[in-house]
PDB file of N, CA and C in Angstrom:
ATOM      1  N   MET A   1      -1.751  -4.264   6.550  1.00  0.00           N
ATOM      2  CA  MET A   1      -0.496  -4.836   6.149  1.00  0.00           C
ATOM      3  C   MET A   1      -0.276  -4.662   4.645  1.00  0.00           C
ATOM      4  N   TYR A   2      -1.325  -4.798   3.846  1.00  0.00           N
ATOM      5  CA  TYR A   2      -1.175  -4.644   2.408  1.00  0.00           C
ATOM      6  C   TYR A   2      -0.678  -3.241   2.060  1.00  0.00           C
ATOM      7  N   SER A   3      -1.150  -2.243   2.788  1.00  0.00           N
ATOM      8  CA  SER A   3      -0.695  -0.878   2.516  1.00  0.00           C
ATOM      9  C   SER A   3       0.791  -0.734   2.818  1.00  0.00           C
ATOM     10  N   ASP A   4       1.300  -1.460   3.804  1.00  0.00           N
ATOM     11  CA  ASP A   4       2.736  -1.435   4.104  1.00  0.00           C
ATOM     12  C   ASP A   4       3.539  -2.048   2.951  1.00  0.00           C
ATOM     13  N   ILE A   5       3.022  -3.113   2.385  1.00  0.00           N
ATOM     14  CA  ILE A   5       3.691  -3.773   1.260  1.00  0.00           C
ATOM     15  C   ILE A   5       3.743  -2.837   0.058  1.00  0.00           C
ATOM     16  N   THR A   6       2.605  -2.241  -0.285  1.00  0.00           N
ATOM     17  CA  THR A   6       2.582  -1.352  -1.446  1.00  0.00           C
ATOM     18  C   THR A   6       3.410  -0.096  -1.204  1.00  0.00           C
ATOM     19  N   ALA A   7       3.397   0.422   0.012  1.00  0.00           N
ATOM     20  CA  ALA A   7       4.210   1.603   0.324  1.00  0.00           C
ATOM     21  C   ALA A   7       5.694   1.298   0.158  1.00  0.00           C
ATOM     22  N   PHE A   8       6.121   0.132   0.613  1.00  0.00           N
ATOM     23  CA  PHE A   8       7.538  -0.219   0.479  1.00  0.00           C
ATOM     24  C   PHE A   8       7.916  -0.399  -0.990  1.00  0.00           C
ATOM     25  N   GLU A   9       7.013  -0.985  -1.776  1.00  0.00           N
ATOM     26  CA  GLU A   9       7.292  -1.131  -3.209  1.00  0.00           C
ATOM     27  C   GLU A   9       7.432   0.233  -3.889  1.00  0.00           C
ATOM     28  N   VAL A  10       6.585   1.168  -3.520  1.00  0.00           N
ATOM     29  CA  VAL A  10       6.668   2.520  -4.080  1.00  0.00           C
ATOM     30  C   VAL A  10       7.985   3.175  -3.668  1.00  0.00           C
ATOM     31  N   LYS A  11       8.380   2.995  -2.415  1.00  0.00           N
ATOM     32  CA  LYS A  11       9.655   3.546  -1.954  1.00  0.00           C
ATOM     33  C   LYS A  11      10.828   2.961  -2.737  1.00  0.00           C
ATOM     34  N   LEU A  12      10.779   1.667  -2.978  1.00  0.00           N
ATOM     35  CA  LEU A  12      11.863   1.038  -3.733  1.00  0.00           C
ATOM     36  C   LEU A  12      11.947   1.608  -5.148  1.00  0.00           C
ATOM     37  N   ARG A  13      10.799   1.803  -5.802  1.00  0.00           N
ATOM     38  CA  ARG A  13      10.800   2.402  -7.142  1.00  0.00           C
ATOM     39  C   ARG A  13      11.345   3.831  -7.105  1.00  0.00           C
ATOM     40  N   LEU A  14      10.956   4.580  -6.074  1.00  0.00           N
ATOM     41  CA  LEU A  14      11.437   5.948  -5.917  1.00  0.00           C
ATOM     42  C   LEU A  14      12.950   5.968  -5.715  1.00  0.00           C
ATOM     43  N   TRP A  15      13.446   5.125  -4.818  1.00  0.00           N
ATOM     44  CA  TRP A  15      14.884   5.070  -4.561  1.00  0.00           C
ATOM     45  C   TRP A  15      15.653   4.659  -5.815  1.00  0.00           C
ATOM     46  N   GLU A  16      15.100   3.705  -6.541  1.00  0.00           N
ATOM     47  CA  GLU A  16      15.741   3.242  -7.761  1.00  0.00           C
ATOM     48  C   GLU A  16      15.891   4.399  -8.761  1.00  0.00           C
ATOM     49  N   ALA A  17      14.827   5.152  -8.960  1.00  0.00           N
ATOM     50  CA  ALA A  17      14.862   6.291  -9.886  1.00  0.00           C
ATOM     51  C   ALA A  17      15.803   7.387  -9.384  1.00  0.00           C
ATOM     52  N   GLN A  18      15.768   7.655  -8.094  1.00  0.00           N
ATOM     53  CA  GLN A  18      16.628   8.706  -7.543  1.00  0.00           C
ATOM     54  C   GLN A  18      18.098   8.330  -7.633  1.00  0.00           C
ATOM     55  N   LEU A  19      18.418   7.090  -7.339  1.00  0.00           N
ATOM     56  CA  LEU A  19      19.806   6.650  -7.449  1.00  0.00           C
ATOM     57  C   LEU A  19      20.273   6.729  -8.899  1.00  0.00           C
ATOM     58  N   ALA A  20      19.422   6.319  -9.828  1.00  0.00           N
ATOM     59  CA  ALA A  20      19.784   6.373 -11.248  1.00  0.00           C
ATOM     60  C   ALA A  20      20.045   7.810 -11.698  1.00  0.00           C
ATOM     61  N   ALA A  21      19.354   8.764 -11.065  1.00  0.00           N
ATOM     62  CA  ALA A  21      19.535  10.182 -11.405  1.00  0.00           C
ATOM     63  C   ALA A  21      20.651  10.829 -10.598  1.00  0.00           C
ATOM     64  N   GLY A  22      21.291  10.054  -9.721  1.00  0.00           N
ATOM     65  CA  GLY A  22      22.381  10.601  -8.915  1.00  0.00           C
ATOM     66  C   GLY A  22      21.907  11.438  -7.742  1.00  0.00           C
ATOM     67  N   GLN A  23      20.690  11.221  -7.315  1.00  0.00           N
ATOM     68  CA  GLN A  23      20.135  11.935  -6.156  1.00  0.00           C
ATOM     69  C   GLN A  23      20.250  11.027  -4.932  1.00  0.00           C
ATOM     70  N   PHE A  24      20.918  11.528  -3.903  1.00  0.00           N
ATOM     71  CA  PHE A  24      21.205  10.700  -2.731  1.00  0.00           C
ATOM     72  C   PHE A  24      20.521  11.186  -1.464  1.00  0.00           C
ATOM     73  N   MET A  25      19.431  11.900  -1.593  1.00  0.00           N
ATOM     74  CA  MET A  25      18.751  12.473  -0.432  1.00  0.00           C
ATOM     75  C   MET A  25      18.431  11.420   0.638  1.00  0.00           C
ATOM     76  N   HIS A  26      18.021  10.243   0.215  1.00  0.00           N
ATOM     77  CA  HIS A  26      17.644   9.188   1.164  1.00  0.00           C
ATOM     78  C   HIS A  26      18.809   8.249   1.478  1.00  0.00           C
ATOM     79  N   PHE A  27      19.980   8.584   0.960  1.00  0.00           N
ATOM     80  CA  PHE A  27      21.165   7.756   1.155  1.00  0.00           C
ATOM     81  C   PHE A  27      22.337   8.631   1.611  1.00  0.00           C
ATOM     82  N   PRO A  28      22.308   9.096   2.848  1.00  0.00           N
ATOM     83  CA  PRO A  28      23.339  10.026   3.318  1.00  0.00           C
ATOM     84  C   PRO A  28      24.754   9.440   3.291  1.00  0.00           C
ATOM     85  N   ARG A  29      24.898   8.161   3.487  1.00  0.00           N
ATOM     86  CA  ARG A  29      26.242   7.563   3.463  1.00  0.00           C
ATOM     87  C   ARG A  29      26.814   7.574   2.050  1.00  0.00           C
ATOM     88  N   ILE A  30      25.960   7.344   1.067  1.00  0.00           N
ATOM     89  CA  ILE A  30      26.428   7.420  -0.321  1.00  0.00           C
ATOM     90  C   ILE A  30      26.743   8.868  -0.674  1.00  0.00           C
ATOM     91  N   ALA A  31      25.906   9.796  -0.204  1.00  0.00           N
ATOM     92  CA  ALA A  31      26.121  11.221  -0.482  1.00  0.00           C
ATOM     93  C   ALA A  31      27.437  11.706   0.116  1.00  0.00           C
ATOM     94  N   ALA A  32      27.867  11.101   1.214  1.00  0.00           N
ATOM     95  CA  ALA A  32      29.100  11.511   1.866  1.00  0.00           C
ATOM     96  C   ALA A  32      30.345  11.007   1.133  1.00  0.00           C
ATOM     97  N   CYS A  33      30.173  10.046   0.241  1.00  0.00           N
ATOM     98  CA  CYS A  33      31.302   9.484  -0.501  1.00  0.00           C
ATOM     99  C   CYS A  33      31.699  10.413  -1.645  1.00  0.00           C
ATOM    100  N   ALA A  34      32.924  10.291  -2.042  1.00  0.00           N
ATOM    101  CA  ALA A  34      33.393  11.039  -3.211  1.00  0.00           C
ATOM    102  C   ALA A  34      32.696  10.480  -4.454  1.00  0.00           C
ATOM    103  N   PRO A  35      32.353  11.327  -5.404  1.00  0.00           N
ATOM    104  CA  PRO A  35      31.630  10.867  -6.597  1.00  0.00           C
ATOM    105  C   PRO A  35      32.332   9.731  -7.341  1.00  0.00           C
ATOM    106  N   ASP A  36      33.650   9.739  -7.353  1.00  0.00           N
ATOM    107  CA  ASP A  36      34.379   8.674  -8.052  1.00  0.00           C
ATOM    108  C   ASP A  36      34.327   7.340  -7.306  1.00  0.00           C
ATOM    109  N   ASP A  37      33.981   7.383  -6.023  1.00  0.00           N
ATOM    110  CA  ASP A  37      33.927   6.169  -5.216  1.00  0.00           C
ATOM    111  C   ASP A  37      32.579   5.462  -5.293  1.00  0.00           C
ATOM    112  N   VAL A  38      31.605   6.082  -5.951  1.00  0.00           N
ATOM    113  CA  VAL A  38      30.254   5.521  -6.004  1.00  0.00           C
ATOM    114  C   VAL A  38      29.974   4.993  -7.403  1.00  0.00           C
ATOM    115  N   ASP A  39      29.652   3.722  -7.491  1.00  0.00           N
ATOM    116  CA  ASP A  39      29.248   3.119  -8.763  1.00  0.00           C
ATOM    117  C   ASP A  39      27.721   3.110  -8.793  1.00  0.00           C
ATOM    118  N   LEU A  40      27.154   4.071  -9.505  1.00  0.00           N
ATOM    119  CA  LEU A  40      25.694   4.206  -9.546  1.00  0.00           C
ATOM    120  C   LEU A  40      25.024   2.959 -10.093  1.00  0.00           C
ATOM    121  N   ASN A  41      25.633   2.320 -11.077  1.00  0.00           N
ATOM    122  CA  ASN A  41      25.020   1.111 -11.653  1.00  0.00           C
ATOM    123  C   ASN A  41      24.883   0.006 -10.614  1.00  0.00           C
ATOM    124  N   THR A  42      25.895  -0.124  -9.755  1.00  0.00           N
ATOM    125  CA  THR A  42      25.824  -1.130  -8.689  1.00  0.00           C
ATOM    126  C   THR A  42      24.735  -0.774  -7.692  1.00  0.00           C
ATOM    127  N   CYS A  43      24.671   0.493  -7.303  1.00  0.00           N
ATOM    128  CA  CYS A  43      23.643   0.936  -6.346  1.00  0.00           C
ATOM    129  C   CYS A  43      22.240   0.706  -6.904  1.00  0.00           C
ATOM    130  N   VAL A  44      22.039   1.113  -8.147  1.00  0.00           N
ATOM    131  CA  VAL A  44      20.728   0.930  -8.782  1.00  0.00           C
ATOM    132  C   VAL A  44      20.428  -0.558  -8.911  1.00  0.00           C
ATOM    133  N   GLY A  45      21.426  -1.337  -9.263  1.00  0.00           N
ATOM    134  CA  GLY A  45      21.234  -2.787  -9.410  1.00  0.00           C
ATOM    135  C   GLY A  45      20.807  -3.460  -8.123  1.00  0.00           C
ATOM    136  N   VAL A  46      21.382  -3.021  -7.013  1.00  0.00           N
ATOM    137  CA  VAL A  46      21.016  -3.599  -5.713  1.00  0.00           C
ATOM    138  C   VAL A  46      19.551  -3.287  -5.385  1.00  0.00           C
ATOM    139  N   VAL A  47      19.147  -2.041  -5.593  1.00  0.00           N
ATOM    140  CA  VAL A  47      17.763  -1.661  -5.293  1.00  0.00           C
ATOM    141  C   VAL A  47      16.806  -2.340  -6.270  1.00  0.00           C
ATOM    142  N   THR A  48      17.192  -2.440  -7.524  1.00  0.00           N
ATOM    143  CA  THR A  48      16.358  -3.130  -8.520  1.00  0.00           C
ATOM    144  C   THR A  48      16.173  -4.588  -8.137  1.00  0.00           C
ATOM    145  N   SER A  49      17.246  -5.227  -7.750  1.00  0.00           N
ATOM    146  CA  SER A  49      17.178  -6.630  -7.327  1.00  0.00           C
ATOM    147  C   SER A  49      16.270  -6.793  -6.112  1.00  0.00           C
ATOM    148  N   LEU A  50      16.407  -5.891  -5.167  1.00  0.00           N
ATOM    149  CA  LEU A  50      15.565  -5.929  -3.971  1.00  0.00           C
ATOM    150  C   LEU A  50      14.093  -5.739  -4.342  1.00  0.00           C
ATOM    151  N   ARG A  51      13.803  -4.784  -5.228  1.00  0.00           N
ATOM    152  CA  ARG A  51      12.434  -4.523  -5.654  1.00  0.00           C
ATOM    153  C   ARG A  51      11.841  -5.742  -6.353  1.00  0.00           C
ATOM    154  N   GLU A  52      12.604  -6.354  -7.230  1.00  0.00           N
ATOM    155  CA  GLU A  52      12.118  -7.529  -7.953  1.00  0.00           C
ATOM    156  C   GLU A  52      11.877  -8.706  -7.011  1.00  0.00           C
ATOM    157  N   GLU A  53      12.786  -8.930  -6.074  1.00  0.00           N
ATOM    158  CA  GLU A  53      12.622 -10.019  -5.110  1.00  0.00           C
ATOM    159  C   GLU A  53      11.407  -9.781  -4.212  1.00  0.00           C
ATOM    160  N   PHE A  54      11.251  -8.541  -3.781  1.00  0.00           N
ATOM    161  CA  PHE A  54      10.110  -8.187  -2.939  1.00  0.00           C
ATOM    162  C   PHE A  54       8.806  -8.422  -3.694  1.00  0.00           C
ATOM    163  N   ALA A  55       8.754  -7.989  -4.956  1.00  0.00           N
ATOM    164  CA  ALA A  55       7.552  -8.180  -5.776  1.00  0.00           C
ATOM    165  C   ALA A  55       7.264  -9.670  -5.963  1.00  0.00           C
ATOM    166  N   PHE A  56       8.311 -10.463  -6.171  1.00  0.00           N
ATOM    167  CA  PHE A  56       8.139 -11.900  -6.341  1.00  0.00           C
ATOM    168  C   PHE A  56       7.588 -12.552  -5.072  1.00  0.00           C
ATOM    169  N   ARG A  57       8.112 -12.144  -3.928  1.00  0.00           N
ATOM    170  CA  ARG A  57       7.682 -12.733  -2.658  1.00  0.00           C
ATOM    171  C   ARG A  57       6.213 -12.457  -2.349  1.00  0.00           C
ATOM    172  N   PHE A  58       5.698 -11.334  -2.827  1.00  0.00           N
ATOM    173  CA  PHE A  58       4.331 -10.938  -2.504  1.00  0.00           C
ATOM    174  C   PHE A  58       3.375 -11.032  -3.690  1.00  0.00           C
ATOM    175  N   THR A  59       3.725 -11.847  -4.687  1.00  0.00           N
ATOM    176  CA  THR A  59       2.833 -11.994  -5.839  1.00  0.00           C
ATOM    177  C   THR A  59       1.486 -12.589  -5.445  1.00  0.00           C
ATOM    178  N   GLY A  60       1.461 -13.424  -4.446  1.00  0.00           N
ATOM    179  CA  GLY A  60       0.207 -14.029  -4.010  1.00  0.00           C
ATOM    180  C   GLY A  60      -0.710 -13.074  -3.269  1.00  0.00           C
ATOM    181  N   VAL A  61      -0.170 -11.975  -2.804  1.00  0.00           N
ATOM    182  CA  VAL A  61      -0.961 -11.012  -2.037  1.00  0.00           C
ATOM    183  C   VAL A  61      -1.726 -10.058  -2.953  1.00  0.00           C
ATOM    184  N   ARG A  62      -1.115  -9.709  -4.074  1.00  0.00           N
ATOM    185  CA  ARG A  62      -1.706  -8.715  -4.968  1.00  0.00           C
ATOM    186  C   ARG A  62      -3.131  -9.067  -5.429  1.00  0.00           C
ATOM    187  N   PRO A  63      -3.417 -10.303  -5.810  1.00  0.00           N
ATOM    188  CA  PRO A  63      -4.792 -10.623  -6.224  1.00  0.00           C
ATOM    189  C   PRO A  63      -5.828 -10.472  -5.096  1.00  0.00           C
ATOM    190  N   LEU A  64      -5.372 -10.436  -3.864  1.00  0.00           N
ATOM    191  CA  LEU A  64      -6.279 -10.303  -2.729  1.00  0.00           C
ATOM    192  C   LEU A  64      -6.634  -8.848  -2.412  1.00  0.00           C
ATOM    193  N   ALA A  65      -5.964  -7.905  -3.059  1.00  0.00           N
ATOM    194  CA  ALA A  65      -6.137  -6.477  -2.756  1.00  0.00           C
ATOM    195  C   ALA A  65      -7.591  -6.004  -2.836  1.00  0.00           C
ATOM    196  N   PRO A  66      -8.356  -6.378  -3.855  1.00  0.00           N
ATOM    197  CA  PRO A  66      -9.755  -5.919  -3.883  1.00  0.00           C
ATOM    198  C   PRO A  66     -10.555  -6.379  -2.658  1.00  0.00           C
ATOM    199  N   GLY A  67     -10.265  -7.560  -2.172  1.00  0.00           N
ATOM    200  CA  GLY A  67     -10.945  -8.054  -0.967  1.00  0.00           C
ATOM    201  C   GLY A  67     -10.571  -7.258   0.265  1.00  0.00           C
ATOM    202  N   PHE A  68      -9.315  -6.847   0.349  1.00  0.00           N
ATOM    203  CA  PHE A  68      -8.882  -6.011   1.467  1.00  0.00           C
ATOM    204  C   PHE A  68      -9.635  -4.699   1.469  1.00  0.00           C
ATOM    205  N   LYS A  69      -9.759  -4.101   0.294  1.00  0.00           N
ATOM    206  CA  LYS A  69     -10.450  -2.815   0.192  1.00  0.00           C
ATOM    207  C   LYS A  69     -11.922  -2.966   0.562  1.00  0.00           C
ATOM    208  N   LEU A  70     -12.502  -4.090   0.223  1.00  0.00           N
ATOM    209  CA  LEU A  70     -13.909  -4.333   0.551  1.00  0.00           C
ATOM    210  C   LEU A  70     -14.141  -4.262   2.058  1.00  0.00           C
ATOM    211  N   PHE A  71     -13.179  -4.724   2.833  1.00  0.00           N
ATOM    212  CA  PHE A  71     -13.356  -4.728   4.284  1.00  0.00           C
ATOM    213  C   PHE A  71     -12.801  -3.489   4.978  1.00  0.00           C
ATOM    214  N   THR A  72     -11.825  -2.827   4.379  1.00  0.00           N
ATOM    215  CA  THR A  72     -11.279  -1.626   5.013  1.00  0.00           C
ATOM    216  C   THR A  72     -12.014  -0.360   4.588  1.00  0.00           C
ATOM    217  N   SER A  73     -12.576  -0.353   3.374  1.00  0.00           N
ATOM    218  CA  SER A  73     -13.296   0.815   2.849  1.00  0.00           C
ATOM    219  C   SER A  73     -14.540   0.377   2.080  1.00  0.00           C
ATOM    220  N   PRO A  74     -15.493  -0.235   2.753  1.00  0.00           N
ATOM    221  CA  PRO A  74     -16.643  -0.806   2.030  1.00  0.00           C
ATOM    222  C   PRO A  74     -17.493   0.224   1.282  1.00  0.00           C
ATOM    223  N   PHE A  75     -17.434   1.483   1.697  1.00  0.00           N
ATOM    224  CA  PHE A  75     -18.243   2.496   1.027  1.00  0.00           C
ATOM    225  C   PHE A  75     -17.538   3.062  -0.206  1.00  0.00           C
ATOM    226  N   ASP A  76     -16.296   2.684  -0.410  1.00  0.00           N
ATOM    227  CA  ASP A  76     -15.530   3.166  -1.560  1.00  0.00           C
ATOM    228  C   ASP A  76     -15.391   2.126  -2.668  1.00  0.00           C
ATOM    229  N   VAL A  77     -15.928   0.937  -2.450  1.00  0.00           N
ATOM    230  CA  VAL A  77     -15.828  -0.142  -3.430  1.00  0.00           C
ATOM    231  C   VAL A  77     -17.026  -0.081  -4.369  1.00  0.00           C
ATOM    232  N   HIS A  78     -16.764  -0.190  -5.667  1.00  0.00           N
ATOM    233  CA  HIS A  78     -17.861  -0.266  -6.630  1.00  0.00           C
ATOM    234  C   HIS A  78     -18.485  -1.654  -6.529  1.00  0.00           C
ATOM    235  N   VAL A  79     -19.790  -1.695  -6.506  1.00  0.00           N
ATOM    236  CA  VAL A  79     -20.510  -2.957  -6.321  1.00  0.00           C
ATOM    237  C   VAL A  79     -20.128  -3.976  -7.387  1.00  0.00           C
ATOM    238  N   ASP A  80     -19.975  -3.535  -8.624  1.00  0.00           N
ATOM    239  CA  ASP A  80     -19.645  -4.480  -9.689  1.00  0.00           C
ATOM    240  C   ASP A  80     -18.232  -5.040  -9.586  1.00  0.00           C
ATOM    241  N   GLU A  81     -17.387  -4.460  -8.737  1.00  0.00           N
ATOM    242  CA  GLU A  81     -16.038  -4.984  -8.516  1.00  0.00           C
ATOM    243  C   GLU A  81     -15.999  -6.051  -7.432  1.00  0.00           C
ATOM    244  N   ALA A  82     -17.062  -6.137  -6.649  1.00  0.00           N
ATOM    245  CA  ALA A  82     -17.134  -7.144  -5.572  1.00  0.00           C
ATOM    246  C   ALA A  82     -17.522  -8.490  -6.166  1.00  0.00           C
ATOM    247  N   SER A  83     -17.195  -9.552  -5.454  1.00  0.00           N
ATOM    248  CA  SER A  83     -17.583 -10.877  -5.926  1.00  0.00           C
ATOM    249  C   SER A  83     -19.105 -11.000  -5.880  1.00  0.00           C
ATOM    250  N   ALA A  84     -19.638 -11.790  -6.770  1.00  0.00           N
ATOM    251  CA  ALA A  84     -21.093 -11.910  -6.931  1.00  0.00           C
ATOM    252  C   ALA A  84     -21.826 -12.218  -5.622  1.00  0.00           C
ATOM    253  N   PRO A  85     -21.328 -13.136  -4.786  1.00  0.00           N
ATOM    254  CA  PRO A  85     -22.063 -13.433  -3.552  1.00  0.00           C
ATOM    255  C   PRO A  85     -22.143 -12.253  -2.570  1.00  0.00           C
ATOM    256  N   LEU A  86     -21.247 -11.279  -2.695  1.00  0.00           N
ATOM    257  CA  LEU A  86     -21.232 -10.147  -1.768  1.00  0.00           C
ATOM    258  C   LEU A  86     -21.921  -8.899  -2.317  1.00  0.00           C
ATOM    259  N   GLN A  87     -22.260  -8.892  -3.584  1.00  0.00           N
ATOM    260  CA  GLN A  87     -22.776  -7.683  -4.210  1.00  0.00           C
ATOM    261  C   GLN A  87     -24.072  -7.174  -3.576  1.00  0.00           C
ATOM    262  N   MET A  88     -25.018  -8.053  -3.307  1.00  0.00           N
ATOM    263  CA  MET A  88     -26.297  -7.609  -2.734  1.00  0.00           C
ATOM    264  C   MET A  88     -26.097  -7.047  -1.325  1.00  0.00           C
ATOM    265  N   GLU A  89     -25.256  -7.696  -0.543  1.00  0.00           N
ATOM    266  CA  GLU A  89     -24.966  -7.207   0.805  1.00  0.00           C
ATOM    267  C   GLU A  89     -24.267  -5.855   0.750  1.00  0.00           C
ATOM    268  N   LEU A  90     -23.374  -5.696  -0.208  1.00  0.00           N
ATOM    269  CA  LEU A  90     -22.658  -4.436  -0.362  1.00  0.00           C
ATOM    270  C   LEU A  90     -23.609  -3.308  -0.755  1.00  0.00           C
ATOM    271  N   VAL A  91     -24.573  -3.609  -1.606  1.00  0.00           N
ATOM    272  CA  VAL A  91     -25.584  -2.611  -1.974  1.00  0.00           C
ATOM    273  C   VAL A  91     -26.356  -2.177  -0.738  1.00  0.00           C
ATOM    274  N   GLU A  92     -26.796  -3.137   0.068  1.00  0.00           N
ATOM    275  CA  GLU A  92     -27.541  -2.823   1.294  1.00  0.00           C
ATOM    276  C   GLU A  92     -26.692  -1.975   2.241  1.00  0.00           C
ATOM    277  N   LEU A  93     -25.449  -2.336   2.385  1.00  0.00           N
ATOM    278  CA  LEU A  93     -24.546  -1.604   3.273  1.00  0.00           C
ATOM    279  C   LEU A  93     -24.335  -0.174   2.778  1.00  0.00           C
ATOM    280  N   GLN A  94     -24.022  -0.024   1.506  1.00  0.00           N
ATOM    281  CA  GLN A  94     -23.728   1.294   0.955  1.00  0.00           C
ATOM    282  C   GLN A  94     -24.947   2.205   0.914  1.00  0.00           C
ATOM    283  N   CYS A  95     -26.130   1.635   0.890  1.00  0.00           N
ATOM    284  CA  CYS A  95     -27.356   2.445   0.853  1.00  0.00           C
ATOM    285  C   CYS A  95     -27.892   2.766   2.246  1.00  0.00           C
ATOM    286  N   ASN A  96     -27.287   2.213   3.273  1.00  0.00           N
ATOM    287  CA  ASN A  96     -27.727   2.445   4.636  1.00  0.00           C
ATOM    288  C   ASN A  96     -27.073   3.726   5.164  1.00  0.00           C
ATOM    289  N   ASP A  97     -27.846   4.807   5.191  1.00  0.00           N
ATOM    290  CA  ASP A  97     -27.315   6.113   5.592  1.00  0.00           C
ATOM    291  C   ASP A  97     -26.816   6.130   7.036  1.00  0.00           C
ATOM    292  N   GLU A  98     -27.483   5.386   7.910  1.00  0.00           N
ATOM    293  CA  GLU A  98     -27.068   5.351   9.318  1.00  0.00           C
ATOM    294  C   GLU A  98     -25.683   4.715   9.458  1.00  0.00           C
ATOM    295  N   LEU A  99     -25.484   3.573   8.790  1.00  0.00           N
ATOM    296  CA  LEU A  99     -24.170   2.924   8.849  1.00  0.00           C
ATOM    297  C   LEU A  99     -23.099   3.776   8.179  1.00  0.00           C
ATOM    298  N   LYS A 100     -23.466   4.415   7.089  1.00  0.00           N
ATOM    299  CA  LYS A 100     -22.511   5.273   6.380  1.00  0.00           C
ATOM    300  C   LYS A 100     -22.059   6.425   7.276  1.00  0.00           C
ATOM    301  N   ALA A 101     -22.995   7.026   7.993  1.00  0.00           N
ATOM    302  CA  ALA A 101     -22.661   8.130   8.893  1.00  0.00           C
ATOM    303  C   ALA A 101     -21.763   7.653  10.033  1.00  0.00           C
ATOM    304  N   LYS A 102     -22.062   6.485  10.596  1.00  0.00           N
ATOM    305  CA  LYS A 102     -21.224   5.945  11.669  1.00  0.00           C
ATOM    306  C   LYS A 102     -19.819   5.627  11.167  1.00  0.00           C
ATOM    307  N   TYR A 103     -19.745   5.078   9.974  1.00  0.00           N
ATOM    308  CA  TYR A 103     -18.448   4.753   9.386  1.00  0.00           C
ATOM    309  C   TYR A 103     -17.620   6.019   9.177  1.00  0.00           C
ATOM    310  N   ARG A 104     -18.226   7.041   8.630  1.00  0.00           N
ATOM    311  CA  ARG A 104     -17.521   8.307   8.389  1.00  0.00           C
ATOM    312  C   ARG A 104     -17.080   8.941   9.712  1.00  0.00           C
ATOM    313  N   THR A 105     -17.908   8.827  10.745  1.00  0.00           N
ATOM    314  CA  THR A 105     -17.557   9.369  12.054  1.00  0.00           C
ATOM    315  C   THR A 105     -16.347   8.637  12.627  1.00  0.00           C
ATOM    316  N   LEU A 106     -16.328   7.323  12.493  1.00  0.00           N
ATOM    317  CA  LEU A 106     -15.213   6.532  13.004  1.00  0.00           C
ATOM    318  C   LEU A 106     -13.915   6.825  12.265  1.00  0.00           C
ATOM    319  N   LEU A 107     -14.016   7.192  10.999  1.00  0.00           N
ATOM    320  CA  LEU A 107     -12.812   7.508  10.239  1.00  0.00           C
ATOM    321  C   LEU A 107     -12.086   8.720  10.799  1.00  0.00           C
ATOM    322  N   HIS A 108     -12.834   9.619  11.421  1.00  0.00           N
ATOM    323  CA  HIS A 108     -12.244  10.844  11.944  1.00  0.00           C
ATOM    324  C   HIS A 108     -11.866  10.734  13.422  1.00  0.00           C
ATOM    325  N   CYS A 109     -12.048   9.572  14.005  1.00  0.00           N
ATOM    326  CA  CYS A 109     -11.701   9.350  15.407  1.00  0.00           C
ATOM    327  C   CYS A 109     -10.272   8.802  15.466  1.00  0.00           C
ATOM    328  N   PRO A 110      -9.323   9.548  16.047  1.00  0.00           N
ATOM    329  CA  PRO A 110      -7.919   9.136  16.018  1.00  0.00           C
ATOM    330  C   PRO A 110      -7.621   7.843  16.774  1.00  0.00           C
ATOM    331  N   SER A 111      -8.445   7.464  17.716  1.00  0.00           N
ATOM    332  CA  SER A 111      -8.154   6.266  18.496  1.00  0.00           C
ATOM    333  C   SER A 111      -8.691   4.994  17.842  1.00  0.00           C
ATOM    334  N   VAL A 112      -9.392   5.131  16.723  1.00  0.00           N
ATOM    335  CA  VAL A 112      -9.972   3.971  16.062  1.00  0.00           C
ATOM    336  C   VAL A 112      -9.190   3.679  14.791  1.00  0.00           C
ATOM    337  N   THR A 113      -8.755   2.417  14.660  1.00  0.00           N
ATOM    338  CA  THR A 113      -8.101   1.972  13.438  1.00  0.00           C
ATOM    339  C   THR A 113      -8.921   0.854  12.834  1.00  0.00           C
ATOM    340  N   SER A 114      -8.677   0.548  11.573  1.00  0.00           N
ATOM    341  CA  SER A 114      -9.437  -0.519  10.937  1.00  0.00           C
ATOM    342  C   SER A 114      -9.186  -1.847  11.631  1.00  0.00           C
ATOM    343  N   SER A 115      -7.971  -2.082  12.135  1.00  0.00           N
ATOM    344  CA  SER A 115      -7.690  -3.334  12.827  1.00  0.00           C
ATOM    345  C   SER A 115      -8.431  -3.410  14.153  1.00  0.00           C
ATOM    346  N   SER A 116      -8.591  -2.267  14.861  1.00  0.00           N
ATOM    347  CA  SER A 116      -9.321  -2.298  16.126  1.00  0.00           C
ATOM    348  C   SER A 116     -10.813  -2.501  15.877  1.00  0.00           C
ATOM    349  N   LEU A 117     -11.312  -2.048  14.732  1.00  0.00           N
ATOM    350  CA  LEU A 117     -12.712  -2.279  14.413  1.00  0.00           C
ATOM    351  C   LEU A 117     -12.967  -3.762  14.189  1.00  0.00           C
ATOM    352  N   LEU A 118     -12.045  -4.438  13.543  1.00  0.00           N
ATOM    353  CA  LEU A 118     -12.226  -5.852  13.258  1.00  0.00           C
ATOM    354  C   LEU A 118     -12.090  -6.715  14.506  1.00  0.00           C
ATOM    355  N   THR A 119     -11.269  -6.306  15.468  1.00  0.00           N
ATOM    356  CA  THR A 119     -11.079  -7.127  16.655  1.00  0.00           C
ATOM    357  C   THR A 119     -12.237  -7.027  17.614  1.00  0.00           C
ATOM    358  N   ASN A 120     -13.087  -6.018  17.451  1.00  0.00           N
ATOM    359  CA  ASN A 120     -14.228  -5.881  18.354  1.00  0.00           C
ATOM    360  C   ASN A 120     -15.421  -6.727  17.952  1.00  0.00           C
ATOM    361  N   PHE A 121     -15.295  -7.419  16.825  1.00  0.00           N
ATOM    362  CA  PHE A 121     -16.434  -8.233  16.349  1.00  0.00           C
ATOM    363  C   PHE A 121     -16.133  -9.694  16.447  1.00  0.00           C
TER     364      PHE A 121
END
């Protein structure tokens, strides 16, 4: 879910920049309008407002991002970035070649998602 939030925020920033530059690739209805009928400042303002509101609504989620990564990609987290109580366990996990191989194998299996891995435990 966190990746969906960050992806949408990136899209909003992209749309904001594209609208400001007069690029309407992702806005076919605006592109179909006559140039004099489109107020770019209003369009950019609407997307900016949406981006700011979205960021405000999810401010509580952002500090949790390192914890999400710890559980979705435990082999990609630096040990010193993990909370102190989890660091020793993370070292053991990351140094276990058998678990690392199984994890890498599961990453390439199309029917396995991180959410399905968590529901099986």
